[in-house]
PDB file of N, CA and C in Angstrom:
ATOM      1  N   MET A   1       5.463   1.526  13.851  1.00  0.00           N
ATOM      2  CA  MET A   1       6.534   1.350  12.892  1.00  0.00           C
ATOM      3  C   MET A   1       6.132   2.049  11.604  1.00  0.00           C
ATOM      4  N   ALA A   2       7.106   2.589  10.921  1.00  0.00           N
ATOM      5  CA  ALA A   2       6.851   3.338   9.685  1.00  0.00           C
ATOM      6  C   ALA A   2       7.558   2.675   8.508  1.00  0.00           C
ATOM      7  N   PHE A   3       7.055   2.954   7.331  1.00  0.00           N
ATOM      8  CA  PHE A   3       7.671   2.487   6.094  1.00  0.00           C
ATOM      9  C   PHE A   3       9.088   3.054   6.033  1.00  0.00           C
ATOM     10  N   PRO A   4      10.062   2.284   5.549  1.00  0.00           N
ATOM     11  CA  PRO A   4      11.448   2.784   5.534  1.00  0.00           C
ATOM     12  C   PRO A   4      11.623   4.002   4.626  1.00  0.00           C
ATOM     13  N   SER A   5      12.531   4.852   5.009  1.00  0.00           N
ATOM     14  CA  SER A   5      12.855   6.035   4.222  1.00  0.00           C
ATOM     15  C   SER A   5      13.855   5.626   3.144  1.00  0.00           C
ATOM     16  N   LEU A   6      13.424   5.683   1.884  1.00  0.00           N
ATOM     17  CA  LEU A   6      14.257   5.245   0.769  1.00  0.00           C
ATOM     18  C   LEU A   6      14.921   6.437   0.087  1.00  0.00           C
ATOM     19  N   SER A   7      15.985   6.181  -0.637  1.00  0.00           N
ATOM     20  CA  SER A   7      16.729   7.253  -1.295  1.00  0.00           C
ATOM     21  C   SER A   7      16.003   7.809  -2.515  1.00  0.00           C
ATOM     22  N   ARG A   8      15.078   7.056  -3.070  1.00  0.00           N
ATOM     23  CA  ARG A   8      14.337   7.502  -4.253  1.00  0.00           C
ATOM     24  C   ARG A   8      12.850   7.562  -3.940  1.00  0.00           C
ATOM     25  N   ARG A   9      12.185   8.533  -4.551  1.00  0.00           N
ATOM     26  CA  ARG A   9      10.738   8.655  -4.399  1.00  0.00           C
ATOM     27  C   ARG A   9      10.029   7.705  -5.365  1.00  0.00           C
ATOM     28  N   PRO A  10       8.798   7.326  -5.041  1.00  0.00           N
ATOM     29  CA  PRO A  10       8.054   6.474  -5.972  1.00  0.00           C
ATOM     30  C   PRO A  10       7.850   7.174  -7.309  1.00  0.00           C
ATOM     31  N   SER A  11       7.916   6.417  -8.386  1.00  0.00           N
ATOM     32  CA  SER A  11       7.675   6.994  -9.708  1.00  0.00           C
ATOM     33  C   SER A  11       6.178   7.166  -9.956  1.00  0.00           C
ATOM     34  N   LYS A  12       5.356   6.352  -9.278  1.00  0.00           N
ATOM     35  CA  LYS A  12       3.910   6.420  -9.464  1.00  0.00           C
ATOM     36  C   LYS A  12       3.219   5.916  -8.211  1.00  0.00           C
ATOM     37  N   ILE A  13       2.163   6.618  -7.805  1.00  0.00           N
ATOM     38  CA  ILE A  13       1.336   6.180  -6.683  1.00  0.00           C
ATOM     39  C   ILE A  13      -0.115   6.213  -7.145  1.00  0.00           C
ATOM     40  N   GLN A  14      -0.765   5.060  -7.106  1.00  0.00           N
ATOM     41  CA  GLN A  14      -2.188   4.987  -7.422  1.00  0.00           C
ATOM     42  C   GLN A  14      -2.948   4.873  -6.105  1.00  0.00           C
ATOM     43  N   LYS A  15      -3.916   5.748  -5.922  1.00  0.00           N
ATOM     44  CA  LYS A  15      -4.711   5.764  -4.700  1.00  0.00           C
ATOM     45  C   LYS A  15      -6.151   5.459  -5.068  1.00  0.00           C
ATOM     46  N   SER A  16      -6.747   4.501  -4.383  1.00  0.00           N
ATOM     47  CA  SER A  16      -8.145   4.173  -4.661  1.00  0.00           C
ATOM     48  C   SER A  16      -8.914   4.070  -3.349  1.00  0.00           C
ATOM     49  N   ALA A  17     -10.084   4.679  -3.342  1.00  0.00           N
ATOM     50  CA  ALA A  17     -10.941   4.630  -2.157  1.00  0.00           C
ATOM     51  C   ALA A  17     -11.652   3.279  -2.112  1.00  0.00           C
ATOM     52  N   ARG A  18     -11.724   2.725  -0.943  1.00  0.00           N
ATOM     53  CA  ARG A  18     -12.439   1.470  -0.767  1.00  0.00           C
ATOM     54  C   ARG A  18     -13.942   1.744  -0.669  1.00  0.00           C
ATOM     55  N   ASP A  19     -14.750   0.834  -1.179  1.00  0.00           N
ATOM     56  CA  ASP A  19     -16.209   0.975  -1.119  1.00  0.00           C
ATOM     57  C   ASP A  19     -16.623   1.147   0.337  1.00  0.00           C
ATOM     58  N   ASN A  20     -17.339   2.224   0.621  1.00  0.00           N
ATOM     59  CA  ASN A  20     -17.693   2.553   1.994  1.00  0.00           C
ATOM     60  C   ASN A  20     -19.168   2.313   2.286  1.00  0.00           C
ATOM     61  N   ALA A  21     -19.833   1.474   1.524  1.00  0.00           N
ATOM     62  CA  ALA A  21     -21.265   1.267   1.733  1.00  0.00           C
ATOM     63  C   ALA A  21     -21.593  -0.205   1.940  1.00  0.00           C
ATOM     64  N   ILE A  22     -22.471  -0.439   2.890  1.00  0.00           N
ATOM     65  CA  ILE A  22     -23.074  -1.756   3.053  1.00  0.00           C
ATOM     66  C   ILE A  22     -24.458  -1.646   2.429  1.00  0.00           C
ATOM     67  N   LYS A  23     -24.757  -2.525   1.477  1.00  0.00           N
ATOM     68  CA  LYS A  23     -26.007  -2.438   0.723  1.00  0.00           C
ATOM     69  C   LYS A  23     -26.873  -3.659   1.017  1.00  0.00           C
ATOM     70  N   LYS A  24     -28.151  -3.419   1.222  1.00  0.00           N
ATOM     71  CA  LYS A  24     -29.107  -4.498   1.466  1.00  0.00           C
ATOM     72  C   LYS A  24     -30.310  -4.274   0.560  1.00  0.00           C
ATOM     73  N   GLU A  25     -30.567  -5.248  -0.322  1.00  0.00           N
ATOM     74  CA  GLU A  25     -31.715  -5.148  -1.223  1.00  0.00           C
ATOM     75  C   GLU A  25     -32.896  -5.893  -0.621  1.00  0.00           C
ATOM     76  N   PHE A  26     -34.082  -5.328  -0.835  1.00  0.00           N
ATOM     77  CA  PHE A  26     -35.314  -5.939  -0.355  1.00  0.00           C
ATOM     78  C   PHE A  26     -36.137  -6.411  -1.539  1.00  0.00           C
ATOM     79  N   GLY A  27     -37.021  -7.328  -1.300  1.00  0.00           N
ATOM     80  CA  GLY A  27     -37.812  -7.960  -2.346  1.00  0.00           C
ATOM     81  C   GLY A  27     -38.669  -7.005  -3.159  1.00  0.00           C
ATOM     82  N   GLN A  28     -39.072  -5.904  -2.588  1.00  0.00           N
ATOM     83  CA  GLN A  28     -39.940  -4.957  -3.289  1.00  0.00           C
ATOM     84  C   GLN A  28     -39.138  -3.996  -4.176  1.00  0.00           C
ATOM     85  N   GLY A  29     -37.839  -4.219  -4.307  1.00  0.00           N
ATOM     86  CA  GLY A  29     -37.013  -3.363  -5.147  1.00  0.00           C
ATOM     87  C   GLY A  29     -36.348  -2.227  -4.397  1.00  0.00           C
ATOM     88  N   TYR A  30     -36.552  -2.162  -3.090  1.00  0.00           N
ATOM     89  CA  TYR A  30     -35.914  -1.124  -2.293  1.00  0.00           C
ATOM     90  C   TYR A  30     -34.489  -1.532  -1.952  1.00  0.00           C
ATOM     91  N   GLU A  31     -33.693  -0.543  -1.685  1.00  0.00           N
ATOM     92  CA  GLU A  31     -32.320  -0.807  -1.260  1.00  0.00           C
ATOM     93  C   GLU A  31     -31.996   0.106  -0.084  1.00  0.00           C
ATOM     94  N   HIS A  32     -31.410  -0.488   0.931  1.00  0.00           N
ATOM     95  CA  HIS A  32     -30.975   0.295   2.095  1.00  0.00           C
ATOM     96  C   HIS A  32     -29.452   0.313   2.099  1.00  0.00           C
ATOM     97  N   ARG A  33     -28.880   1.491   2.361  1.00  0.00           N
ATOM     98  CA  ARG A  33     -27.422   1.631   2.427  1.00  0.00           C
ATOM     99  C   ARG A  33     -27.033   2.329   3.717  1.00  0.00           C
ATOM    100  N   ARG A  34     -25.880   1.911   4.235  1.00  0.00           N
ATOM    101  CA  ARG A  34     -25.316   2.585   5.407  1.00  0.00           C
ATOM    102  C   ARG A  34     -23.797   2.545   5.293  1.00  0.00           C
ATOM    103  N   PRO A  35     -23.110   3.438   5.989  1.00  0.00           N
ATOM    104  CA  PRO A  35     -21.645   3.467   5.885  1.00  0.00           C
ATOM    105  C   PRO A  35     -21.003   2.238   6.521  1.00  0.00           C
ATOM    106  N   ARG A  36     -19.954   1.765   5.885  1.00  0.00           N
ATOM    107  CA  ARG A  36     -19.206   0.620   6.385  1.00  0.00           C
ATOM    108  C   ARG A  36     -18.140   1.077   7.387  1.00  0.00           C
ATOM    109  N   PHE A  37     -17.523   2.213   7.115  1.00  0.00           N
ATOM    110  CA  PHE A  37     -16.455   2.736   7.958  1.00  0.00           C
ATOM    111  C   PHE A  37     -16.857   4.112   8.474  1.00  0.00           C
ATOM    112  N   THR A  38     -16.214   4.548   9.549  1.00  0.00           N
ATOM    113  CA  THR A  38     -16.476   5.877  10.088  1.00  0.00           C
ATOM    114  C   THR A  38     -15.577   6.926   9.447  1.00  0.00           C
ATOM    115  N   ARG A  39     -14.652   6.499   8.591  1.00  0.00           N
ATOM    116  CA  ARG A  39     -13.728   7.402   7.892  1.00  0.00           C
ATOM    117  C   ARG A  39     -13.408   6.796   6.538  1.00  0.00           C
ATOM    118  N   PRO A  40     -12.901   7.589   5.604  1.00  0.00           N
ATOM    119  CA  PRO A  40     -12.512   7.025   4.302  1.00  0.00           C
ATOM    120  C   PRO A  40     -11.307   6.088   4.452  1.00  0.00           C
ATOM    121  N   VAL A  41     -11.317   5.000   3.710  1.00  0.00           N
ATOM    122  CA  VAL A  41     -10.204   4.044   3.722  1.00  0.00           C
ATOM    123  C   VAL A  41      -9.675   3.932   2.293  1.00  0.00           C
ATOM    124  N   TYR A  42      -8.339   4.009   2.150  1.00  0.00           N
ATOM    125  CA  TYR A  42      -7.709   4.000   0.837  1.00  0.00           C
ATOM    126  C   TYR A  42      -6.729   2.844   0.691  1.00  0.00           C
ATOM    127  N   ASP A  43      -6.605   2.358  -0.531  1.00  0.00           N
ATOM    128  CA  ASP A  43      -5.592   1.376  -0.891  1.00  0.00           C
ATOM    129  C   ASP A  43      -4.640   2.042  -1.874  1.00  0.00           C
ATOM    130  N   PHE A  44      -3.378   1.575  -1.891  1.00  0.00           N
ATOM    131  CA  PHE A  44      -2.353   2.206  -2.707  1.00  0.00           C
ATOM    132  C   PHE A  44      -1.585   1.167  -3.509  1.00  0.00           C
ATOM    133  N   LEU A  45      -1.138   1.589  -4.676  1.00  0.00           N
ATOM    134  CA  LEU A  45      -0.239   0.812  -5.514  1.00  0.00           C
ATOM    135  C   LEU A  45       0.962   1.722  -5.754  1.00  0.00           C
ATOM    136  N   VAL A  46       2.110   1.374  -5.146  1.00  0.00           N
ATOM    137  CA  VAL A  46       3.293   2.226  -5.150  1.00  0.00           C
ATOM    138  C   VAL A  46       4.347   1.609  -6.062  1.00  0.00           C
ATOM    139  N   SER A  47       4.778   2.380  -7.075  1.00  0.00           N
ATOM    140  CA  SER A  47       5.743   1.877  -8.055  1.00  0.00           C
ATOM    141  C   SER A  47       7.047   2.668  -7.994  1.00  0.00           C
ATOM    142  N   TYR A  48       8.134   1.947  -8.168  1.00  0.00           N
ATOM    143  CA  TYR A  48       9.468   2.545  -8.267  1.00  0.00           C
ATOM    144  C   TYR A  48      10.077   2.102  -9.586  1.00  0.00           C
ATOM    145  N   ASP A  49      10.825   3.011 -10.258  1.00  0.00           N
ATOM    146  CA  ASP A  49      11.510   2.636 -11.496  1.00  0.00           C
ATOM    147  C   ASP A  49      12.619   1.639 -11.187  1.00  0.00           C
ATOM    148  N   LEU A  50      13.645   2.099 -10.540  1.00  0.00           N
ATOM    149  CA  LEU A  50      14.757   1.246 -10.111  1.00  0.00           C
ATOM    150  C   LEU A  50      15.155   1.667  -8.700  1.00  0.00           C
ATOM    151  N   LEU A  51      15.557   0.696  -7.896  1.00  0.00           N
ATOM    152  CA  LEU A  51      16.026   0.990  -6.547  1.00  0.00           C
ATOM    153  C   LEU A  51      17.410   0.398  -6.347  1.00  0.00           C
ATOM    154  N   PRO A  52      18.294   1.130  -5.641  1.00  0.00           N
ATOM    155  CA  PRO A  52      19.608   0.577  -5.349  1.00  0.00           C
ATOM    156  C   PRO A  52      19.507  -0.571  -4.345  1.00  0.00           C
ATOM    157  N   THR A  53      20.541  -1.359  -4.283  1.00  0.00           N
ATOM    158  CA  THR A  53      20.566  -2.527  -3.397  1.00  0.00           C
ATOM    159  C   THR A  53      20.251  -2.156  -1.957  1.00  0.00           C
ATOM    160  N   ALA A  54      20.799  -1.037  -1.467  1.00  0.00           N
ATOM    161  CA  ALA A  54      20.571  -0.632  -0.078  1.00  0.00           C
ATOM    162  C   ALA A  54      19.085  -0.408   0.197  1.00  0.00           C
ATOM    163  N   ASP A  55      18.366   0.216  -0.735  1.00  0.00           N
ATOM    164  CA  ASP A  55      16.929   0.446  -0.558  1.00  0.00           C
ATOM    165  C   ASP A  55      16.142  -0.863  -0.586  1.00  0.00           C
ATOM    166  N   VAL A  56      16.512  -1.757  -1.480  1.00  0.00           N
ATOM    167  CA  VAL A  56      15.830  -3.050  -1.544  1.00  0.00           C
ATOM    168  C   VAL A  56      16.055  -3.817  -0.241  1.00  0.00           C
ATOM    169  N   ASP A  57      17.268  -3.742   0.298  1.00  0.00           N
ATOM    170  CA  ASP A  57      17.551  -4.394   1.581  1.00  0.00           C
ATOM    171  C   ASP A  57      16.672  -3.819   2.695  1.00  0.00           C
ATOM    172  N   LEU A  58      16.493  -2.485   2.710  1.00  0.00           N
ATOM    173  CA  LEU A  58      15.611  -1.854   3.702  1.00  0.00           C
ATOM    174  C   LEU A  58      14.168  -2.325   3.544  1.00  0.00           C
ATOM    175  N   LEU A  59      13.693  -2.380   2.298  1.00  0.00           N
ATOM    176  CA  LEU A  59      12.328  -2.836   2.035  1.00  0.00           C
ATOM    177  C   LEU A  59      12.105  -4.271   2.503  1.00  0.00           C
ATOM    178  N   ILE A  60      13.037  -5.138   2.162  1.00  0.00           N
ATOM    179  CA  ILE A  60      12.895  -6.551   2.531  1.00  0.00           C
ATOM    180  C   ILE A  60      12.955  -6.717   4.049  1.00  0.00           C
ATOM    181  N   ALA A  61      13.861  -6.001   4.703  1.00  0.00           N
ATOM    182  CA  ALA A  61      13.955  -6.073   6.176  1.00  0.00           C
ATOM    183  C   ALA A  61      12.644  -5.597   6.805  1.00  0.00           C
ATOM    184  N   HIS A  62      12.067  -4.522   6.271  1.00  0.00           N
ATOM    185  CA  HIS A  62      10.797  -4.021   6.802  1.00  0.00           C
ATOM    186  C   HIS A  62       9.687  -5.041   6.590  1.00  0.00           C
ATOM    187  N   TYR A  63       9.617  -5.600   5.370  1.00  0.00           N
ATOM    188  CA  TYR A  63       8.591  -6.601   5.083  1.00  0.00           C
ATOM    189  C   TYR A  63       8.735  -7.817   5.999  1.00  0.00           C
ATOM    190  N   GLU A  64       9.965  -8.272   6.215  1.00  0.00           N
ATOM    191  CA  GLU A  64      10.179  -9.434   7.075  1.00  0.00           C
ATOM    192  C   GLU A  64       9.808  -9.131   8.528  1.00  0.00           C
ATOM    193  N   GLU A  65       9.945  -7.883   8.936  1.00  0.00           N
ATOM    194  CA  GLU A  65       9.604  -7.521  10.313  1.00  0.00           C
ATOM    195  C   GLU A  65       8.095  -7.416  10.533  1.00  0.00           C
ATOM    196  N   VAL A  66       7.374  -6.782   9.597  1.00  0.00           N
ATOM    197  CA  VAL A  66       5.937  -6.592   9.792  1.00  0.00           C
ATOM    198  C   VAL A  66       5.093  -7.653   9.095  1.00  0.00           C
ATOM    199  N   GLY A  67       5.644  -8.322   8.097  1.00  0.00           N
ATOM    200  CA  GLY A  67       4.894  -9.341   7.372  1.00  0.00           C
ATOM    201  C   GLY A  67       3.645  -8.757   6.740  1.00  0.00           C
ATOM    202  N   MET A  68       2.639  -9.582   6.600  1.00  0.00           N
ATOM    203  CA  MET A  68       1.380  -9.126   6.007  1.00  0.00           C
ATOM    204  C   MET A  68       0.283  -9.036   7.058  1.00  0.00           C
ATOM    205  N   TYR A  69       0.676  -9.038   8.335  1.00  0.00           N
ATOM    206  CA  TYR A  69      -0.309  -9.026   9.411  1.00  0.00           C
ATOM    207  C   TYR A  69      -0.200  -7.817  10.321  1.00  0.00           C
ATOM    208  N   ALA A  70       0.928  -7.119  10.343  1.00  0.00           N
ATOM    209  CA  ALA A  70       1.088  -5.951  11.204  1.00  0.00           C
ATOM    210  C   ALA A  70       0.953  -4.678  10.377  1.00  0.00           C
ATOM    211  N   SER A  71       0.271  -3.698  10.925  1.00  0.00           N
ATOM    212  CA  SER A  71       0.104  -2.436  10.207  1.00  0.00           C
ATOM    213  C   SER A  71       1.299  -1.522  10.469  1.00  0.00           C
ATOM    214  N   PHE A  72       1.467  -0.546   9.585  1.00  0.00           N
ATOM    215  CA  PHE A  72       2.544   0.424   9.730  1.00  0.00           C
ATOM    216  C   PHE A  72       2.107   1.727   9.068  1.00  0.00           C
ATOM    217  N   ASP A  73       2.825   2.804   9.361  1.00  0.00           N
ATOM    218  CA  ASP A  73       2.517   4.110   8.785  1.00  0.00           C
ATOM    219  C   ASP A  73       3.248   4.289   7.468  1.00  0.00           C
ATOM    220  N   TRP A  74       2.528   4.811   6.490  1.00  0.00           N
ATOM    221  CA  TRP A  74       3.101   5.126   5.183  1.00  0.00           C
ATOM    222  C   TRP A  74       2.655   6.526   4.798  1.00  0.00           C
ATOM    223  N   ALA A  75       3.577   7.339   4.295  1.00  0.00           N
ATOM    224  CA  ALA A  75       3.254   8.716   3.919  1.00  0.00           C
ATOM    225  C   ALA A  75       3.300   8.864   2.404  1.00  0.00           C
ATOM    226  N   ASP A  76       2.290   9.547   1.841  1.00  0.00           N
ATOM    227  CA  ASP A  76       2.284   9.811   0.400  1.00  0.00           C
ATOM    228  C   ASP A  76       3.177  11.020   0.102  1.00  0.00           C
ATOM    229  N   ARG A  77       3.194  11.445  -1.143  1.00  0.00           N
ATOM    230  CA  ARG A  77       4.072  12.555  -1.556  1.00  0.00           C
ATOM    231  C   ARG A  77       3.731  13.871  -0.872  1.00  0.00           C
ATOM    232  N   GLU A  78       2.477  14.065  -0.511  1.00  0.00           N
ATOM    233  CA  GLU A  78       2.059  15.302   0.145  1.00  0.00           C
ATOM    234  C   GLU A  78       2.302  15.268   1.651  1.00  0.00           C
ATOM    235  N   GLY A  79       2.767  14.142   2.168  1.00  0.00           N
ATOM    236  CA  GLY A  79       3.028  14.021   3.595  1.00  0.00           C
ATOM    237  C   GLY A  79       1.849  13.515   4.410  1.00  0.00           C
ATOM    238  N   ASN A  80       0.747  13.134   3.751  1.00  0.00           N
ATOM    239  CA  ASN A  80      -0.394  12.551   4.459  1.00  0.00           C
ATOM    240  C   ASN A  80      -0.011  11.144   4.909  1.00  0.00           C
ATOM    241  N   VAL A  81      -0.246  10.845   6.166  1.00  0.00           N
ATOM    242  CA  VAL A  81       0.143   9.544   6.719  1.00  0.00           C
ATOM    243  C   VAL A  81      -1.080   8.638   6.792  1.00  0.00           C
ATOM    244  N   PHE A  82      -0.903   7.404   6.318  1.00  0.00           N
ATOM    245  CA  PHE A  82      -1.966   6.400   6.319  1.00  0.00           C
ATOM    246  C   PHE A  82      -1.464   5.156   7.035  1.00  0.00           C
ATOM    247  N   GLU A  83      -2.348   4.514   7.769  1.00  0.00           N
ATOM    248  CA  GLU A  83      -2.013   3.231   8.389  1.00  0.00           C
ATOM    249  C   GLU A  83      -2.391   2.148   7.391  1.00  0.00           C
ATOM    250  N   VAL A  84      -1.410   1.300   7.036  1.00  0.00           N
ATOM    251  CA  VAL A  84      -1.608   0.311   5.978  1.00  0.00           C
ATOM    252  C   VAL A  84      -0.995  -1.037   6.353  1.00  0.00           C
ATOM    253  N   TYR A  85      -1.361  -2.053   5.570  1.00  0.00           N
ATOM    254  CA  TYR A  85      -0.755  -3.382   5.593  1.00  0.00           C
ATOM    255  C   TYR A  85      -0.146  -3.635   4.216  1.00  0.00           C
ATOM    256  N   TYR A  86       0.807  -4.547   4.139  1.00  0.00           N
ATOM    257  CA  TYR A  86       1.204  -5.062   2.830  1.00  0.00           C
ATOM    258  C   TYR A  86       0.082  -5.981   2.369  1.00  0.00           C
ATOM    259  N   ASP A  87      -0.377  -5.808   1.144  1.00  0.00           N
ATOM    260  CA  ASP A  87      -1.446  -6.648   0.617  1.00  0.00           C
ATOM    261  C   ASP A  87      -0.892  -7.863  -0.113  1.00  0.00           C
ATOM    262  N   GLU A  88       0.342  -7.767  -0.592  1.00  0.00           N
ATOM    263  CA  GLU A  88       1.026  -8.876  -1.267  1.00  0.00           C
ATOM    264  C   GLU A  88       2.504  -8.830  -0.880  1.00  0.00           C
ATOM    265  N   PRO A  89       3.193  -9.955  -0.961  1.00  0.00           N
ATOM    266  CA  PRO A  89       4.643  -9.938  -0.705  1.00  0.00           C
ATOM    267  C   PRO A  89       5.370  -9.044  -1.712  1.00  0.00           C
ATOM    268  N   ILE A  90       6.506  -8.499  -1.283  1.00  0.00           N
ATOM    269  CA  ILE A  90       7.312  -7.658  -2.162  1.00  0.00           C
ATOM    270  C   ILE A  90       8.058  -8.550  -3.151  1.00  0.00           C
ATOM    271  N   GLU A  91       7.985  -8.179  -4.432  1.00  0.00           N
ATOM    272  CA  GLU A  91       8.693  -8.912  -5.481  1.00  0.00           C
ATOM    273  C   GLU A  91       9.673  -7.972  -6.160  1.00  0.00           C
ATOM    274  N   TYR A  92      10.856  -8.485  -6.449  1.00  0.00           N
ATOM    275  CA  TYR A  92      11.867  -7.668  -7.128  1.00  0.00           C
ATOM    276  C   TYR A  92      12.757  -8.551  -7.974  1.00  0.00           C
ATOM    277  N   ASP A  93      13.366  -7.944  -8.996  1.00  0.00           N
ATOM    278  CA  ASP A  93      14.259  -8.637  -9.919  1.00  0.00           C
ATOM    279  C   ASP A  93      15.543  -7.835 -10.058  1.00  0.00           C
ATOM    280  N   PHE A  94      16.630  -8.536 -10.278  1.00  0.00           N
ATOM    281  CA  PHE A  94      17.915  -7.896 -10.549  1.00  0.00           C
ATOM    282  C   PHE A  94      17.819  -7.186 -11.895  1.00  0.00           C
ATOM    283  N   ALA A  95      18.231  -5.916 -11.954  1.00  0.00           N
ATOM    284  CA  ALA A  95      18.193  -5.169 -13.214  1.00  0.00           C
ATOM    285  C   ALA A  95      19.607  -5.029 -13.773  1.00  0.00           C
ATOM    286  N   VAL A  96      20.444  -4.276 -13.097  1.00  0.00           N
ATOM    287  CA  VAL A  96      21.855  -4.111 -13.457  1.00  0.00           C
ATOM    288  C   VAL A  96      22.645  -4.087 -12.155  1.00  0.00           C
ATOM    289  N   GLU A  97      23.925  -4.165 -12.240  1.00  0.00           N
ATOM    290  CA  GLU A  97      24.767  -4.233 -11.048  1.00  0.00           C
ATOM    291  C   GLU A  97      24.418  -3.125 -10.049  1.00  0.00           C
ATOM    292  N   GLY A  98      23.980  -3.534  -8.867  1.00  0.00           N
ATOM    293  CA  GLY A  98      23.659  -2.588  -7.795  1.00  0.00           C
ATOM    294  C   GLY A  98      22.250  -2.023  -7.831  1.00  0.00           C
ATOM    295  N   TRP A  99      21.442  -2.418  -8.812  1.00  0.00           N
ATOM    296  CA  TRP A  99      20.085  -1.880  -8.953  1.00  0.00           C
ATOM    297  C   TRP A  99      19.079  -3.014  -9.163  1.00  0.00           C
ATOM    298  N   TYR A 100      17.876  -2.804  -8.630  1.00  0.00           N
ATOM    299  CA  TYR A 100      16.801  -3.794  -8.743  1.00  0.00           C
ATOM    300  C   TYR A 100      15.534  -3.141  -9.250  1.00  0.00           C
ATOM    301  N   GLN A 101      14.750  -3.916  -9.980  1.00  0.00           N
ATOM    302  CA  GLN A 101      13.420  -3.504 -10.418  1.00  0.00           C
ATOM    303  C   GLN A 101      12.434  -4.094  -9.411  1.00  0.00           C
ATOM    304  N   VAL A 102      11.694  -3.241  -8.723  1.00  0.00           N
ATOM    305  CA  VAL A 102      10.728  -3.687  -7.718  1.00  0.00           C
ATOM    306  C   VAL A 102       9.338  -3.646  -8.336  1.00  0.00           C
ATOM    307  N   LYS A 103       8.626  -4.772  -8.236  1.00  0.00           N
ATOM    308  CA  LYS A 103       7.254  -4.824  -8.725  1.00  0.00           C
ATOM    309  C   LYS A 103       6.410  -3.894  -7.853  1.00  0.00           C
ATOM    310  N   ALA A 104       5.341  -3.323  -8.403  1.00  0.00           N
ATOM    311  CA  ALA A 104       4.488  -2.397  -7.656  1.00  0.00           C
ATOM    312  C   ALA A 104       4.103  -2.994  -6.303  1.00  0.00           C
ATOM    313  N   ILE A 105       4.199  -2.179  -5.268  1.00  0.00           N
ATOM    314  CA  ILE A 105       3.923  -2.618  -3.897  1.00  0.00           C
ATOM    315  C   ILE A 105       2.459  -2.278  -3.590  1.00  0.00           C
ATOM    316  N   LYS A 106       1.677  -3.283  -3.201  1.00  0.00           N
ATOM    317  CA  LYS A 106       0.279  -3.081  -2.880  1.00  0.00           C
ATOM    318  C   LYS A 106       0.126  -2.877  -1.373  1.00  0.00           C
ATOM    319  N   LEU A 107      -0.433  -1.721  -1.018  1.00  0.00           N
ATOM    320  CA  LEU A 107      -0.664  -1.385   0.388  1.00  0.00           C
ATOM    321  C   LEU A 107      -2.176  -1.259   0.600  1.00  0.00           C
ATOM    322  N   LYS A 108      -2.666  -1.897   1.653  1.00  0.00           N
ATOM    323  CA  LYS A 108      -4.094  -1.909   1.946  1.00  0.00           C
ATOM    324  C   LYS A 108      -4.358  -1.090   3.205  1.00  0.00           C
ATOM    325  N   GLY A 109      -5.237  -0.119   3.090  1.00  0.00           N
ATOM    326  CA  GLY A 109      -5.557   0.742   4.228  1.00  0.00           C
ATOM    327  C   GLY A 109      -6.235  -0.009   5.358  1.00  0.00           C
ATOM    328  N   VAL A 110      -5.947   0.436   6.569  1.00  0.00           N
ATOM    329  CA  VAL A 110      -6.536  -0.189   7.768  1.00  0.00           C
ATOM    330  C   VAL A 110      -7.854   0.490   8.082  1.00  0.00           C
TER     331      VAL A 110
END
């Protein structure tokens, strides 16, 4: 399943790499590190200025279908596809007739 195709692009996308190291300290002051993942894993914070009612309905339907336990594909502006989960429920507020302000959507890389 993929993230719904909305009529507006995100106004801001923050991408952050997840810590990829497992660290073990030893009593003599040594530290051993090894990779946690076999590939880079990213988390995203996706913001929209305003979304029309139809887009908010698509977002809510998608969230209700996958919840916070099923992964789905999400593509950034460059078309790179990432497998992600919702990290928090989607929050939105009524702005003006037919438009909603959606709080930043937190997506956690798989």
